[in-house]
Amino acid sequence: MYDLGQIYLLKFYTDSLGLHPAAAGGVFFFTKIFDAFTDFSVGTWVDKRRRLGKRGKFRPFILFGAIPLGLATVASFYNPGLSVTGNLVWAYLTYMLFGLIYSIVNIPYGSMIPAMTQDPVERAQLSAFRQGGSNLALLITTVLFVPLTSMMPTSSEGAMIVVSIFALSGVLLQLWCYANVREHNVVIEKVQPQVEFKKAFSALLGNTPLLLLCLASLFTFSAFNVKLVVQVYYLQYVLKDISLLPYMGFFSIGCVFLGVACVPWLSKTYGKKLTFMLGCAIWATGDLVNYFFIHNHFGFIFFSCVAFFGSALINSLSWAIASDAVEYGQWRSGMRTEGMVYSFFIFSRKLSQSIAGLVPGVVLAFVGYVPNVLQTAETLVGIKLLMFVYPGVLALITLLIWHYGYRLDEDRYEQILCELRSTS
């Protein structure tokens, strides 16, 4: 459900709802800003839960949010047939609703890893499996959406049917997740007073690993989402072959799976910091080589695979690093606030999503993009810059930030964990 919006919703806004590219980009920007602030409320809600039943602390949100999230997904792709202004209002309302429900489901979902295990290797494995499932969804969405839509009588009706099928699948998988996940390490401070929001937020600002992770996520997740949005335009107007999208998705996301599979071994052998930096270097190499030296279909797909492999190392480790930041924050401030930590992390990802939605729309409008016509040379250059240079440069900046700033390695984490156990 999430990938449908990230990959196809901008094109739906510009080509089906008839929105100006900059206005369509504004929908992503402002709704994601709204989502980012609602994340804090959801995180506080999760942390303040004290009376837990048999469903646990985090799992009920997944159960009760599944069906509303599916309905909001379908509504986001519905064309009400209003005026341009009416369609713009509809886009804002439906995508804000989707973002709100997504926060209610996703914040507890992301907060569960510390409750499942405290072992750093297991956390890296869980993060890798989580990213693997996410990438499988991305593969399915990229490979199947366009071919399935083309099989339908009309493109508009076909899109709604396919979106509904994907949304139903997402709901069923969420319910399956709820039924099978277990929380083994839930920490509830029943004796101490509930943590005040002001104190918890102040503790977050002192959590250096979390702040660095959020900054890195702001760059890398923005870059990743821009690639997902722009690749449809790139294939249709630069390579002039939209039918390549399923093949590109199959091979590139296949390399993401390969990267996810390598994460547990790489992080165990070389540590999470070096593995994270390696992912940045590989990603930047793939995109920048593609921009400066590649001019054919095969080379484009090959080096896109290289870039996606590098991104898999970063995205897989981000969740494990966020889990480590929970214990670091508890060690530094004396407060354990999984929901606040994850909502702050998700805040950075939502902010990056807002940027990723705004940047392509603004750039496309600036370079004169017009839907479904032969594009000018200036427009094609703008699409290529968005596709390769924007993510490649941000990957390099993230590499420098991680090299000079991040200090919570495996030895330091084990020391912190031992101190927490000795004082518990």
Foldseek 3Di string as FASTA:
>chain_A
DVLCCLFCLLVLCCPPLVEALLLQLQLLQVLLLVLLVLLLVLLLVLQPDDDDDPLDRQLVLLQVLQVVLLVLQLQLLDHPPDPSVVRSVSNNVSVSSNSNSCSSNPLSVLLQLLQQDPDLLVLLLVLLVVLLVVLVLQLCCQQPQVVQLVVDPDNSVSNSVVSSVSSVVRSVVSVVCSVPDDGHHDDDPPPDDRDDSVLVVVLLVVLQLLVLLLVLLLQQLLLVSLQSHLVCVCCCAVVVHSNCRSVLSNLQSVLLNVLSVCQSVCCVVPNLLVLLLQLLVQLLVLQVCCLPPDDDDVSNSVSSSSNSSSSSSNSSCSSSSLSLSQLVSCLVRVDRRSSNSSSNSVSSSSNSSSSSSNVVSVLLVVQPDDPPDRGDPSNNVSSSCSNGVSSSVSSVVSSVSSVPRDDCTPVNSVVSVVVVVVVD
